[in-house]
C-alpha atoms as a PDB file:
ATOM      1  CA  UNK A   1     137.131  83.387  60.663  1.00  0.00           C
ATOM      2  CA  UNK A   2     140.306  82.961  62.687  1.00  0.00           C
ATOM      3  CA  UNK A   3     143.416  83.019  60.512  1.00  0.00           C
ATOM      4  CA  UNK A   4     146.226  80.493  60.779  1.00  0.00           C
ATOM      5  CA  UNK A   5     149.061  82.258  62.677  1.00  0.00           C
ATOM      6  CA  UNK A   6     151.864  79.922  61.576  1.00  0.00           C
ATOM      7  CA  UNK A   7     154.420  81.867  59.464  1.00  0.00           C
ATOM      8  CA  UNK A   8     154.488  79.509  56.461  1.00  0.00           C
ATOM      9  CA  UNK A   9     157.220  79.968  53.855  1.00  0.00           C
ATOM     10  CA  UNK A  10     155.770  78.999  50.465  1.00  0.00           C
ATOM     11  CA  UNK A  11     157.301  78.948  46.993  1.00  0.00           C
ATOM     12  CA  UNK A  12     154.885  79.477  44.096  1.00  0.00           C
ATOM     13  CA  UNK A  13     156.354  78.564  40.697  1.00  0.00           C
ATOM     14  CA  UNK A  14     153.949  80.211  38.250  1.00  0.00           C
ATOM     15  CA  UNK A  15     154.642  82.215  35.081  1.00  0.00           C
ATOM     16  CA  UNK A  16     151.107  83.648  34.759  1.00  0.00           C
ATOM     17  CA  UNK A  17     150.854  86.875  36.864  1.00  0.00           C
ATOM     18  CA  UNK A  18     147.073  86.584  37.151  1.00  0.00           C
ATOM     19  CA  UNK A  19     147.241  83.008  38.443  1.00  0.00           C
ATOM     20  CA  UNK A  20     149.947  83.961  40.928  1.00  0.00           C
ATOM     21  CA  UNK A  21     147.863  86.843  42.336  1.00  0.00           C
ATOM     22  CA  UNK A  22     144.875  84.485  42.660  1.00  0.00           C
ATOM     23  CA  UNK A  23     146.959  81.885  44.528  1.00  0.00           C
ATOM     24  CA  UNK A  24     148.348  84.606  46.799  1.00  0.00           C
ATOM     25  CA  UNK A  25     144.847  85.913  47.586  1.00  0.00           C
ATOM     26  CA  UNK A  26     143.618  82.389  48.363  1.00  0.00           C
ATOM     27  CA  UNK A  27     146.482  81.808  50.785  1.00  0.00           C
ATOM     28  CA  UNK A  28     145.923  85.127  52.545  1.00  0.00           C
ATOM     29  CA  UNK A  29     142.290  84.220  53.183  1.00  0.00           C
ATOM     30  CA  UNK A  30     143.363  81.521  55.650  1.00  0.00           C
ATOM     31  CA  UNK A  31     146.932  82.391  56.667  1.00  0.00           C
ATOM     32  CA  UNK A  32     147.728  85.540  58.639  1.00  0.00           C
ATOM     33  CA  UNK A  33     151.283  86.266  57.483  1.00  0.00           C
ATOM     34  CA  UNK A  34     152.738  83.776  54.979  1.00  0.00           C
ATOM     35  CA  UNK A  35     156.066  84.466  53.303  1.00  0.00           C
ATOM     36  CA  UNK A  36     155.329  83.813  49.642  1.00  0.00           C
ATOM     37  CA  UNK A  37     158.286  83.467  47.262  1.00  0.00           C
ATOM     38  CA  UNK A  38     157.574  83.734  43.516  1.00  0.00           C
ATOM     39  CA  UNK A  39     159.416  82.176  40.583  1.00  0.00           C
ATOM     40  CA  UNK A  40     158.302  82.760  36.969  1.00  0.00           C
ATOM     41  CA  UNK A  41     160.568  80.098  35.417  1.00  0.00           C
ATOM     42  CA  UNK A  42     162.353  76.891  36.242  1.00  0.00           C
ATOM     43  CA  UNK A  43     165.710  78.683  36.405  1.00  0.00           C
ATOM     44  CA  UNK A  44     164.346  81.204  38.910  1.00  0.00           C
ATOM     45  CA  UNK A  45     162.859  78.370  40.969  1.00  0.00           C
ATOM     46  CA  UNK A  46     166.206  76.579  40.976  1.00  0.00           C
ATOM     47  CA  UNK A  47     167.985  79.713  42.225  1.00  0.00           C
ATOM     48  CA  UNK A  48     165.419  80.261  44.996  1.00  0.00           C
ATOM     49  CA  UNK A  49     165.597  76.618  46.093  1.00  0.00           C
ATOM     50  CA  UNK A  50     169.388  76.728  46.147  1.00  0.00           C
ATOM     51  CA  UNK A  51     169.312  79.844  48.336  1.00  0.00           C
ATOM     52  CA  UNK A  52     166.257  79.226  50.527  1.00  0.00           C
ATOM     53  CA  UNK A  53     165.653  75.482  50.151  1.00  0.00           C
ATOM     54  CA  UNK A  54     166.038  74.716  53.867  1.00  0.00           C
ATOM     55  CA  UNK A  55     163.488  77.412  54.814  1.00  0.00           C
ATOM     56  CA  UNK A  56     160.761  76.657  52.275  1.00  0.00           C
ATOM     57  CA  UNK A  57     157.957  74.452  53.614  1.00  0.00           C
ATOM     58  CA  UNK A  58     155.750  73.894  50.545  1.00  0.00           C
ATOM     59  CA  UNK A  59     156.009  74.334  46.780  1.00  0.00           C
ATOM     60  CA  UNK A  60     153.094  75.087  44.413  1.00  0.00           C
ATOM     61  CA  UNK A  61     154.139  74.208  40.869  1.00  0.00           C
ATOM     62  CA  UNK A  62     152.538  75.192  37.563  1.00  0.00           C
ATOM     63  CA  UNK A  63     153.199  72.500  34.951  1.00  0.00           C
ATOM     64  CA  UNK A  64     153.918  74.834  32.026  1.00  0.00           C
ATOM     65  CA  UNK A  65     156.880  77.200  32.336  1.00  0.00           C
ATOM     66  CA  UNK A  66     158.817  79.047  29.597  1.00  0.00           C
ATOM     67  CA  UNK A  67     161.993  76.959  30.069  1.00  0.00           C
ATOM     68  CA  UNK A  68     160.622  73.560  31.191  1.00  0.00           C
ATOM     69  CA  UNK A  69     157.306  71.744  31.447  1.00  0.00           C
ATOM     70  CA  UNK A  70     155.542  68.428  32.004  1.00  0.00           C
ATOM     71  CA  UNK A  71     157.242  65.370  33.444  1.00  0.00           C
ATOM     72  CA  UNK A  72     160.756  66.820  33.225  1.00  0.00           C
ATOM     73  CA  UNK A  73     159.663  69.843  35.256  1.00  0.00           C
ATOM     74  CA  UNK A  74     158.048  67.713  37.979  1.00  0.00           C
ATOM     75  CA  UNK A  75     161.041  65.397  38.178  1.00  0.00           C
ATOM     76  CA  UNK A  76     163.550  68.249  38.517  1.00  0.00           C
ATOM     77  CA  UNK A  77     161.569  70.237  41.073  1.00  0.00           C
ATOM     78  CA  UNK A  78     160.890  67.146  43.215  1.00  0.00           C
ATOM     79  CA  UNK A  79     164.600  66.339  43.119  1.00  0.00           C
ATOM     80  CA  UNK A  80     165.549  69.851  44.240  1.00  0.00           C
ATOM     81  CA  UNK A  81     162.746  70.047  46.822  1.00  0.00           C
ATOM     82  CA  UNK A  82     164.023  67.095  48.854  1.00  0.00           C
ATOM     83  CA  UNK A  83     161.903  67.368  52.042  1.00  0.00           C
ATOM     84  CA  UNK A  84     159.259  69.848  50.871  1.00  0.00           C
ATOM     85  CA  UNK A  85     155.924  68.648  49.402  1.00  0.00           C
ATOM     86  CA  UNK A  86     155.375  69.663  45.768  1.00  0.00           C
ATOM     87  CA  UNK A  87     151.720  70.442  44.898  1.00  0.00           C
ATOM     88  CA  UNK A  88     151.074  70.513  41.158  1.00  0.00           C
ATOM     89  CA  UNK A  89     148.691  73.211  39.820  1.00  0.00           C
ATOM     90  CA  UNK A  90     147.465  72.883  36.256  1.00  0.00           C
ATOM     91  CA  UNK A  91     144.600  73.598  33.919  1.00  0.00           C
ATOM     92  CA  UNK A  92     144.746  70.114  32.349  1.00  0.00           C
ATOM     93  CA  UNK A  93     142.046  67.610  33.253  1.00  0.00           C
ATOM     94  CA  UNK A  94     143.964  64.552  32.087  1.00  0.00           C
ATOM     95  CA  UNK A  95     143.465  62.012  34.908  1.00  0.00           C
ATOM     96  CA  UNK A  96     146.236  59.722  33.684  1.00  0.00           C
ATOM     97  CA  UNK A  97     148.744  62.558  33.824  1.00  0.00           C
ATOM     98  CA  UNK A  98     147.545  63.439  37.311  1.00  0.00           C
ATOM     99  CA  UNK A  99     148.373  59.900  38.439  1.00  0.00           C
ATOM    100  CA  UNK A 100     151.682  60.079  36.583  1.00  0.00           C
ATOM    101  CA  UNK A 101     152.642  63.274  38.420  1.00  0.00           C
ATOM    102  CA  UNK A 102     152.080  61.523  41.758  1.00  0.00           C
ATOM    103  CA  UNK A 103     154.290  58.596  40.729  1.00  0.00           C
ATOM    104  CA  UNK A 104     156.999  61.117  39.839  1.00  0.00           C
ATOM    105  CA  UNK A 105     156.995  62.364  43.424  1.00  0.00           C
ATOM    106  CA  UNK A 106     154.403  65.158  43.506  1.00  0.00           C
ATOM    107  CA  UNK A 107     152.427  65.239  46.760  1.00  0.00           C
ATOM    108  CA  UNK A 108     149.127  66.455  45.284  1.00  0.00           C
ATOM    109  CA  UNK A 109     147.446  67.513  42.045  1.00  0.00           C
ATOM    110  CA  UNK A 110     144.990  70.452  41.899  1.00  0.00           C
ATOM    111  CA  UNK A 111     143.054  71.774  38.889  1.00  0.00           C
ATOM    112  CA  UNK A 112     143.142  75.544  38.648  1.00  0.00           C
ATOM    113  CA  UNK A 113     139.528  75.744  37.447  1.00  0.00           C
ATOM    114  CA  UNK A 114     138.307  73.867  40.543  1.00  0.00           C
ATOM    115  CA  UNK A 115     140.666  75.527  43.018  1.00  0.00           C
ATOM    116  CA  UNK A 116     139.483  77.918  45.723  1.00  0.00           C
ATOM    117  CA  UNK A 117     140.826  79.294  48.996  1.00  0.00           C
ATOM    118  CA  UNK A 118     139.679  76.395  51.151  1.00  0.00           C
ATOM    119  CA  UNK A 119     140.889  73.616  48.798  1.00  0.00           C
ATOM    120  CA  UNK A 120     144.278  75.314  48.453  1.00  0.00           C
ATOM    121  CA  UNK A 121     144.644  75.729  52.227  1.00  0.00           C
ATOM    122  CA  UNK A 122     143.520  72.153  52.959  1.00  0.00           C
ATOM    123  CA  UNK A 123     145.977  70.818  50.380  1.00  0.00           C
ATOM    124  CA  UNK A 124     148.761  72.886  51.970  1.00  0.00           C
ATOM    125  CA  UNK A 125     148.085  71.594  55.494  1.00  0.00           C
ATOM    126  CA  UNK A 126     147.382  68.001  54.480  1.00  0.00           C
ATOM    127  CA  UNK A 127     150.493  67.620  52.355  1.00  0.00           C
ATOM    128  CA  UNK A 128     152.782  69.259  54.899  1.00  0.00           C
ATOM    129  CA  UNK A 129     151.589  66.851  57.607  1.00  0.00           C
ATOM    130  CA  UNK A 130     151.709  63.915  55.205  1.00  0.00           C
ATOM    131  CA  UNK A 131     155.288  64.788  54.256  1.00  0.00           C
ATOM    132  CA  UNK A 132     156.273  64.952  57.941  1.00  0.00           C
ATOM    133  CA  UNK A 133     154.722  61.522  58.523  1.00  0.00           C
ATOM    134  CA  UNK A 134     156.578  60.092  55.539  1.00  0.00           C
ATOM    135  CA  UNK A 135     159.838  61.576  56.767  1.00  0.00           C
ATOM    136  CA  UNK A 136     159.306  60.051  60.225  1.00  0.00           C
ATOM    137  CA  UNK A 137     158.529  56.703  58.595  1.00  0.00           C
ATOM    138  CA  UNK A 138     161.671  56.900  56.459  1.00  0.00           C
ATOM    139  CA  UNK A 139     163.752  57.773  59.519  1.00  0.00           C
ATOM    140  CA  UNK A 140     162.211  54.851  61.392  1.00  0.00           C
ATOM    141  CA  UNK A 141     162.954  52.510  58.489  1.00  0.00           C
ATOM    142  CA  UNK A 142     166.515  53.825  58.352  1.00  0.00           C
ATOM    143  CA  UNK A 143     166.970  53.173  62.072  1.00  0.00           C
ATOM    144  CA  UNK A 144     165.621  49.640  61.585  1.00  0.00           C
ATOM    145  CA  UNK A 145     167.967  49.134  58.644  1.00  0.00           C
ATOM    146  CA  UNK A 146     170.962  50.363  60.661  1.00  0.00           C
ATOM    147  CA  UNK A 147     170.090  48.190  63.668  1.00  0.00           C
ATOM    148  CA  UNK A 148     169.569  45.193  61.400  1.00  0.00           C
ATOM    149  CA  UNK A 149     172.480  45.464  58.997  1.00  0.00           C
ATOM    150  CA  UNK A 150     175.049  46.830  61.453  1.00  0.00           C
ATOM    151  CA  UNK A 151     174.220  44.371  64.239  1.00  0.00           C
ATOM    152  CA  UNK A 152     177.222  42.265  65.323  1.00  0.00           C
ATOM    153  CA  UNK A 153     174.822  39.328  65.804  1.00  0.00           C
ATOM    154  CA  UNK A 154     173.568  37.320  62.789  1.00  0.00           C
ATOM    155  CA  UNK A 155     170.032  38.398  61.847  1.00  0.00           C
ATOM    156  CA  UNK A 156     167.635  37.571  59.028  1.00  0.00           C
ATOM    157  CA  UNK A 157     164.032  37.938  57.913  1.00  0.00           C
ATOM    158  CA  UNK A 158     162.174  35.017  56.344  1.00  0.00           C
ATOM    159  CA  UNK A 159     158.781  34.551  54.691  1.00  0.00           C
ATOM    160  CA  UNK A 160     156.554  32.534  57.039  1.00  0.00           C
ATOM    161  CA  UNK A 161     154.824  30.792  54.116  1.00  0.00           C
ATOM    162  CA  UNK A 162     157.663  29.903  51.736  1.00  0.00           C
ATOM    163  CA  UNK A 163     160.351  29.979  54.486  1.00  0.00           C
ATOM    164  CA  UNK A 164     162.626  31.824  52.037  1.00  0.00           C
ATOM    165  CA  UNK A 165     165.165  34.334  53.320  1.00  0.00           C
ATOM    166  CA  UNK A 166     163.966  37.865  52.524  1.00  0.00           C
ATOM    167  CA  UNK A 167     166.869  39.780  54.049  1.00  0.00           C
ATOM    168  CA  UNK A 168     170.096  38.957  55.924  1.00  0.00           C
ATOM    169  CA  UNK A 169     172.678  41.146  57.612  1.00  0.00           C
ATOM    170  CA  UNK A 170     176.443  41.110  57.134  1.00  0.00           C
ATOM    171  CA  UNK A 171     177.016  39.271  60.423  1.00  0.00           C
ATOM    172  CA  UNK A 172     174.877  36.372  59.128  1.00  0.00           C
ATOM    173  CA  UNK A 173     176.897  36.280  55.895  1.00  0.00           C
ATOM    174  CA  UNK A 174     180.167  36.172  57.828  1.00  0.00           C
ATOM    175  CA  UNK A 175     179.043  33.634  60.414  1.00  0.00           C
ATOM    176  CA  UNK A 176     177.283  31.166  58.112  1.00  0.00           C
ATOM    177  CA  UNK A 177     179.568  31.589  55.099  1.00  0.00           C
ATOM    178  CA  UNK A 178     176.872  32.360  52.505  1.00  0.00           C
ATOM    179  CA  UNK A 179     176.649  35.573  50.482  1.00  0.00           C
ATOM    180  CA  UNK A 180     173.490  37.686  50.450  1.00  0.00           C
ATOM    181  CA  UNK A 181     172.803  36.472  46.908  1.00  0.00           C
ATOM    182  CA  UNK A 182     173.106  32.842  48.028  1.00  0.00           C
ATOM    183  CA  UNK A 183     170.824  33.453  51.001  1.00  0.00           C
ATOM    184  CA  UNK A 184     168.193  34.951  48.672  1.00  0.00           C
ATOM    185  CA  UNK A 185     167.951  31.592  46.868  1.00  0.00           C
ATOM    186  CA  UNK A 186     167.673  29.592  50.105  1.00  0.00           C
ATOM    187  CA  UNK A 187     165.091  28.761  52.760  1.00  0.00           C
ATOM    188  CA  UNK A 188     165.637  28.306  56.479  1.00  0.00           C
ATOM    189  CA  UNK A 189     165.617  24.533  55.801  1.00  0.00           C
ATOM    190  CA  UNK A 190     169.002  24.958  54.125  1.00  0.00           C
ATOM    191  CA  UNK A 191     170.760  26.006  57.346  1.00  0.00           C
ATOM    192  CA  UNK A 192     169.451  23.004  59.305  1.00  0.00           C
ATOM    193  CA  UNK A 193     170.834  19.450  59.343  1.00  0.00           C
ATOM    194  CA  UNK A 194     168.493  17.073  57.470  1.00  0.00           C
ATOM    195  CA  UNK A 195     167.801  15.059  60.619  1.00  0.00           C
ATOM    196  CA  UNK A 196     166.314  18.162  62.302  1.00  0.00           C
ATOM    197  CA  UNK A 197     163.936  19.220  59.491  1.00  0.00           C
ATOM    198  CA  UNK A 198     160.967  17.199  60.762  1.00  0.00           C
ATOM    199  CA  UNK A 199     161.292  18.853  64.154  1.00  0.00           C
ATOM    200  CA  UNK A 200     161.675  22.285  62.519  1.00  0.00           C
ATOM    201  CA  UNK A 201     158.453  21.960  60.522  1.00  0.00           C
ATOM    202  CA  UNK A 202     156.598  20.733  63.598  1.00  0.00           C
ATOM    203  CA  UNK A 203     157.693  23.857  65.458  1.00  0.00           C
ATOM    204  CA  UNK A 204     156.656  26.099  62.565  1.00  0.00           C
ATOM    205  CA  UNK A 205     153.168  24.578  62.636  1.00  0.00           C
ATOM    206  CA  UNK A 206     153.062  25.178  66.391  1.00  0.00           C
ATOM    207  CA  UNK A 207     153.916  28.861  65.860  1.00  0.00           C
ATOM    208  CA  UNK A 208     151.188  29.307  63.228  1.00  0.00           C
ATOM    209  CA  UNK A 209     148.522  27.374  65.133  1.00  0.00           C
ATOM    210  CA  UNK A 210     149.064  29.326  68.354  1.00  0.00           C
ATOM    211  CA  UNK A 211     149.579  32.677  66.609  1.00  0.00           C
ATOM    212  CA  UNK A 212     152.825  33.273  68.541  1.00  0.00           C
ATOM    213  CA  UNK A 213     154.573  36.627  68.195  1.00  0.00           C
ATOM    214  CA  UNK A 214     157.809  36.466  70.200  1.00  0.00           C
ATOM    215  CA  UNK A 215     159.613  33.206  70.786  1.00  0.00           C
ATOM    216  CA  UNK A 216     162.989  31.779  71.796  1.00  0.00           C
ATOM    217  CA  UNK A 217     164.444  28.373  71.003  1.00  0.00           C
ATOM    218  CA  UNK A 218     167.783  26.568  71.078  1.00  0.00           C
ATOM    219  CA  UNK A 219     168.421  24.426  67.987  1.00  0.00           C
ATOM    220  CA  UNK A 220     171.150  23.079  65.715  1.00  0.00           C
ATOM    221  CA  UNK A 221     172.173  25.044  62.593  1.00  0.00           C
ATOM    222  CA  UNK A 222     174.595  24.160  59.826  1.00  0.00           C
ATOM    223  CA  UNK A 223     177.087  26.510  58.173  1.00  0.00           C
ATOM    224  CA  UNK A 224     178.042  26.457  54.505  1.00  0.00           C
ATOM    225  CA  UNK A 225     181.167  24.397  55.262  1.00  0.00           C
ATOM    226  CA  UNK A 226     179.048  21.782  57.043  1.00  0.00           C
ATOM    227  CA  UNK A 227     179.967  22.823  60.585  1.00  0.00           C
ATOM    228  CA  UNK A 228     177.065  22.310  62.987  1.00  0.00           C
ATOM    229  CA  UNK A 229     176.500  24.919  65.678  1.00  0.00           C
ATOM    230  CA  UNK A 230     174.104  25.342  68.588  1.00  0.00           C
ATOM    231  CA  UNK A 231     172.053  28.523  68.227  1.00  0.00           C
ATOM    232  CA  UNK A 232     169.734  30.389  70.564  1.00  0.00           C
ATOM    233  CA  UNK A 233     167.258  32.097  68.193  1.00  0.00           C
ATOM    234  CA  UNK A 234     165.084  35.028  69.283  1.00  0.00           C
ATOM    235  CA  UNK A 235     162.297  35.654  66.772  1.00  0.00           C
ATOM    236  CA  UNK A 236     159.361  37.998  66.331  1.00  0.00           C
ATOM    237  CA  UNK A 237     156.584  38.352  63.793  1.00  0.00           C
ATOM    238  CA  UNK A 238     156.771  41.398  61.505  1.00  0.00           C
ATOM    239  CA  UNK A 239     155.372  42.612  58.191  1.00  0.00           C
ATOM    240  CA  UNK A 240     158.216  42.982  55.703  1.00  0.00           C
ATOM    241  CA  UNK A 241     157.557  44.534  52.275  1.00  0.00           C
ATOM    242  CA  UNK A 242     153.877  43.754  52.670  1.00  0.00           C
ATOM    243  CA  UNK A 243     154.488  40.073  53.492  1.00  0.00           C
ATOM    244  CA  UNK A 244     154.007  38.318  56.829  1.00  0.00           C
ATOM    245  CA  UNK A 245     157.475  37.373  58.005  1.00  0.00           C
ATOM    246  CA  UNK A 246     159.597  36.688  61.073  1.00  0.00           C
ATOM    247  CA  UNK A 247     162.770  38.468  62.091  1.00  0.00           C
ATOM    248  CA  UNK A 248     165.411  36.283  63.743  1.00  0.00           C
ATOM    249  CA  UNK A 249     168.415  37.134  65.910  1.00  0.00           C
ATOM    250  CA  UNK A 250     170.754  34.135  66.112  1.00  0.00           C
ATOM    251  CA  UNK A 251     173.150  33.813  69.033  1.00  0.00           C
ATOM    252  CA  UNK A 252     175.766  31.070  68.548  1.00  0.00           C
ATOM    253  CA  UNK A 253     176.111  29.410  71.973  1.00  0.00           C
ATOM    254  CA  UNK A 254     178.165  26.416  70.789  1.00  0.00           C
ATOM    255  CA  UNK A 255     181.242  27.337  72.849  1.00  0.00           C
ATOM    256  CA  UNK A 256     179.088  28.115  75.881  1.00  0.00           C
ATOM    257  CA  UNK A 257     177.362  24.723  75.685  1.00  0.00           C
ATOM    258  CA  UNK A 258     180.697  22.934  75.223  1.00  0.00           C
ATOM    259  CA  UNK A 259     182.067  24.779  78.229  1.00  0.00           C
ATOM    260  CA  UNK A 260     179.079  23.701  80.331  1.00  0.00           C
ATOM    261  CA  UNK A 261     179.627  20.093  79.262  1.00  0.00           C
ATOM    262  CA  UNK A 262     183.310  20.357  80.226  1.00  0.00           C
ATOM    263  CA  UNK A 263     182.406  21.783  83.628  1.00  0.00           C
ATOM    264  CA  UNK A 264     179.878  19.001  84.187  1.00  0.00           C
ATOM    265  CA  UNK A 265     182.521  16.395  83.295  1.00  0.00           C
ATOM    266  CA  UNK A 266     184.978  18.038  85.674  1.00  0.00           C
ATOM    267  CA  UNK A 267     182.363  18.067  88.424  1.00  0.00           C
ATOM    268  CA  UNK A 268     181.782  14.348  87.839  1.00  0.00           C
ATOM    269  CA  UNK A 269     185.515  13.662  88.289  1.00  0.00           C
ATOM    270  CA  UNK A 270     185.623  15.861  91.364  1.00  0.00           C
ATOM    271  CA  UNK A 271     182.746  13.877  92.870  1.00  0.00           C
ATOM    272  CA  UNK A 272     184.664  10.656  92.165  1.00  0.00           C
ATOM    273  CA  UNK A 273     187.743  12.075  93.910  1.00  0.00           C
ATOM    274  CA  UNK A 274     185.623  13.180  96.867  1.00  0.00           C
ATOM    275  CA  UNK A 275     184.112   9.692  97.119  1.00  0.00           C
ATOM    276  CA  UNK A 276     187.585   8.089  97.085  1.00  0.00           C
ATOM    277  CA  UNK A 277     188.748  10.491  99.761  1.00  0.00           C
ATOM    278  CA  UNK A 278     185.733   9.837 101.981  1.00  0.00           C
ATOM    279  CA  UNK A 279     185.587   6.042 101.552  1.00  0.00           C
ATOM    280  CA  UNK A 280     188.691   4.377 100.128  1.00  0.00           C
ATOM    281  CA  UNK A 281     191.266   6.474 101.996  1.00  0.00           C
ATOM    282  CA  UNK A 282     189.536   5.934 105.318  1.00  0.00           C
ATOM    283  CA  UNK A 283     190.201   2.141 105.349  1.00  0.00           C
ATOM    284  CA  UNK A 284     194.047   2.183 105.354  1.00  0.00           C
ATOM    285  CA  UNK A 285     194.038   5.363 107.424  1.00  0.00           C
ATOM    286  CA  UNK A 286     191.855   3.724 110.082  1.00  0.00           C
ATOM    287  CA  UNK A 287     194.169   0.674 110.147  1.00  0.00           C
ATOM    288  CA  UNK A 288     197.253   2.877 110.499  1.00  0.00           C
ATOM    289  CA  UNK A 289     195.664   4.770 113.365  1.00  0.00           C
ATOM    290  CA  UNK A 290     194.703   1.473 115.077  1.00  0.00           C
ATOM    291  CA  UNK A 291     198.192   0.010 114.646  1.00  0.00           C
ATOM    292  CA  UNK A 292     199.795   3.148 116.033  1.00  0.00           C
ATOM    293  CA  UNK A 293     197.595   2.801 119.108  1.00  0.00           C
ATOM    294  CA  UNK A 294     198.843  -0.767 119.575  1.00  0.00           C
ATOM    295  CA  UNK A 295     202.477   0.322 119.310  1.00  0.00           C
ATOM    296  CA  UNK A 296     201.854   2.877 122.027  1.00  0.00           C
ATOM    297  CA  UNK A 297     200.827   0.028 124.356  1.00  0.00           C
ATOM    298  CA  UNK A 298     203.868  -0.653 126.594  1.00  0.00           C
ATOM    299  CA  UNK A 299     202.880  -4.319 127.139  1.00  0.00           C
ATOM    300  CA  UNK A 300     203.373  -5.268 123.462  1.00  0.00           C
ATOM    301  CA  UNK A 301     206.054  -7.873 122.796  1.00  0.00           C
ATOM    302  CA  UNK A 302     208.916  -7.721 120.294  1.00  0.00           C
ATOM    303  CA  UNK A 303     207.406 -10.369 117.991  1.00  0.00           C
ATOM    304  CA  UNK A 304     204.036  -8.624 118.007  1.00  0.00           C
ATOM    305  CA  UNK A 305     205.747  -5.303 117.242  1.00  0.00           C
ATOM    306  CA  UNK A 306     207.309  -6.793 114.117  1.00  0.00           C
ATOM    307  CA  UNK A 307     203.941  -7.968 112.854  1.00  0.00           C
ATOM    308  CA  UNK A 308     202.345  -4.590 113.590  1.00  0.00           C
ATOM    309  CA  UNK A 309     205.124  -2.773 111.728  1.00  0.00           C
ATOM    310  CA  UNK A 310     204.583  -5.072 108.742  1.00  0.00           C
ATOM    311  CA  UNK A 311     200.884  -4.222 108.741  1.00  0.00           C
ATOM    312  CA  UNK A 312     201.764  -0.546 109.051  1.00  0.00           C
ATOM    313  CA  UNK A 313     204.025  -0.758 106.010  1.00  0.00           C
ATOM    314  CA  UNK A 314     201.347  -2.505 103.936  1.00  0.00           C
ATOM    315  CA  UNK A 315     198.700   0.042 104.955  1.00  0.00           C
ATOM    316  CA  UNK A 316     201.084   2.900 104.146  1.00  0.00           C
ATOM    317  CA  UNK A 317     201.778   1.426 100.655  1.00  0.00           C
ATOM    318  CA  UNK A 318     198.020   1.015 100.091  1.00  0.00           C
ATOM    319  CA  UNK A 319     197.392   4.610 101.083  1.00  0.00           C
ATOM    320  CA  UNK A 320     200.238   5.783  98.867  1.00  0.00           C
ATOM    321  CA  UNK A 321     198.642   4.069  95.839  1.00  0.00           C
ATOM    322  CA  UNK A 322     195.292   5.667  96.643  1.00  0.00           C
ATOM    323  CA  UNK A 323     196.892   9.136  96.881  1.00  0.00           C
ATOM    324  CA  UNK A 324     198.679   8.578  93.546  1.00  0.00           C
ATOM    325  CA  UNK A 325     195.344   7.639  91.950  1.00  0.00           C
ATOM    326  CA  UNK A 326     193.732  10.814  93.316  1.00  0.00           C
ATOM    327  CA  UNK A 327     196.621  12.927  91.995  1.00  0.00           C
ATOM    328  CA  UNK A 328     196.342  11.340  88.531  1.00  0.00           C
ATOM    329  CA  UNK A 329     192.615  12.005  88.394  1.00  0.00           C
ATOM    330  CA  UNK A 330     193.218  15.606  89.481  1.00  0.00           C
ATOM    331  CA  UNK A 331     195.687  16.059  86.613  1.00  0.00           C
ATOM    332  CA  UNK A 332     193.011  14.890  84.177  1.00  0.00           C
ATOM    333  CA  UNK A 333     190.872  17.934  85.027  1.00  0.00           C
ATOM    334  CA  UNK A 334     191.321  20.623  82.354  1.00  0.00           C
ATOM    335  CA  UNK A 335     190.565  23.906  84.084  1.00  0.00           C
ATOM    336  CA  UNK A 336     190.537  27.097  82.023  1.00  0.00           C
ATOM    337  CA  UNK A 337     191.530  29.763  84.513  1.00  0.00           C
ATOM    338  CA  UNK A 338     190.292  32.652  82.317  1.00  0.00           C
ATOM    339  CA  UNK A 339     186.768  31.250  82.107  1.00  0.00           C
ATOM    340  CA  UNK A 340     186.803  29.901  85.673  1.00  0.00           C
ATOM    341  CA  UNK A 341     187.648  33.352  87.024  1.00  0.00           C
ATOM    342  CA  UNK A 342     184.779  34.925  85.055  1.00  0.00           C
ATOM    343  CA  UNK A 343     181.428  34.323  86.789  1.00  0.00           C
ATOM    344  CA  UNK A 344     179.489  35.254  83.641  1.00  0.00           C
ATOM    345  CA  UNK A 345     181.240  32.578  81.598  1.00  0.00           C
ATOM    346  CA  UNK A 346     180.225  29.935  84.156  1.00  0.00           C
ATOM    347  CA  UNK A 347     176.509  30.763  83.957  1.00  0.00           C
ATOM    348  CA  UNK A 348     173.970  29.885  81.309  1.00  0.00           C
ATOM    349  CA  UNK A 349     170.298  30.466  82.009  1.00  0.00           C
ATOM    350  CA  UNK A 350     168.007  27.470  81.890  1.00  0.00           C
ATOM    351  CA  UNK A 351     165.870  28.981  79.182  1.00  0.00           C
ATOM    352  CA  UNK A 352     168.967  29.439  76.981  1.00  0.00           C
ATOM    353  CA  UNK A 353     169.302  25.648  77.009  1.00  0.00           C
ATOM    354  CA  UNK A 354     165.604  24.777  76.683  1.00  0.00           C
ATOM    355  CA  UNK A 355     163.961  27.868  75.120  1.00  0.00           C
ATOM    356  CA  UNK A 356     160.676  29.458  76.186  1.00  0.00           C
ATOM    357  CA  UNK A 357     158.672  28.600  73.092  1.00  0.00           C
ATOM    358  CA  UNK A 358     159.428  26.398  70.106  1.00  0.00           C
ATOM    359  CA  UNK A 359     160.195  28.350  66.961  1.00  0.00           C
ATOM    360  CA  UNK A 360     161.701  28.231  63.505  1.00  0.00           C
END
């Protein structure tokens, strides 16, 4: 049989010399060169873990030691072990205590009377890999938690059945004005104006019926102080604490929408000015140009010249009034030079206004 060549570092906490020798022999049957550390008491185990804790990969723990035993022993060793799996070895056959040891943090529970080389080796490998998987899962959950809670954008998770908030980040608390405790007593209905609830529930039914994962929608939300805002919500289906839920990232686009409306109003006024320039101004200007042509005619009499000059004066006054009206309308335009000079502030994608898919 080919031996495992990995140089495992294993701590065996066992006060019975005969049991320790047996465990050592079992390990050597499957592992070529393990480094086996031995502690005969809890105090010795504590000293070894303090000195070599970062190197040790697995701990085998006997439940009865001279200075500590039972639940207290498991609890203390698991606490000191941190990342290493703790495999309990005992002669007791009490099934309820076996389950209890697992709830206290032990990775496995082996009976000494039923233990052999293969079961010990399998338990070692299985629990080391299981511990690595759990550590990766915890790191992944921590990254999710950091991304969620430290996000500058408001985010929350809600139960798709009850619509209750299950979790909110600090940005959501700041932006909407509710505390985390207040959010926990609310549903997503509570941040919508009453007149929009019928539409909200219709969209929720659409999501469920079509089994939609990702969606984006623009809708109206209401803050704690009653302020209504326009929000672009990006949502995705997730499982949160064993419950089907949706995670939401809310982007307040109220100012952006207001800016677009202002630009559209300005464009309307600019079109009016352009129309005046292209139609109204042309009439007196054409008359002035025609009258000037008449004056240039050498055959024109003195009386006719007086009439032409009168018409010129009237046309000039008319044109002056038109120019004043254009100037006044130009002054009504409220341009924000900071936003006008920024191309990004002048652009909002069409789907940010309409949304790709209806959602809650």
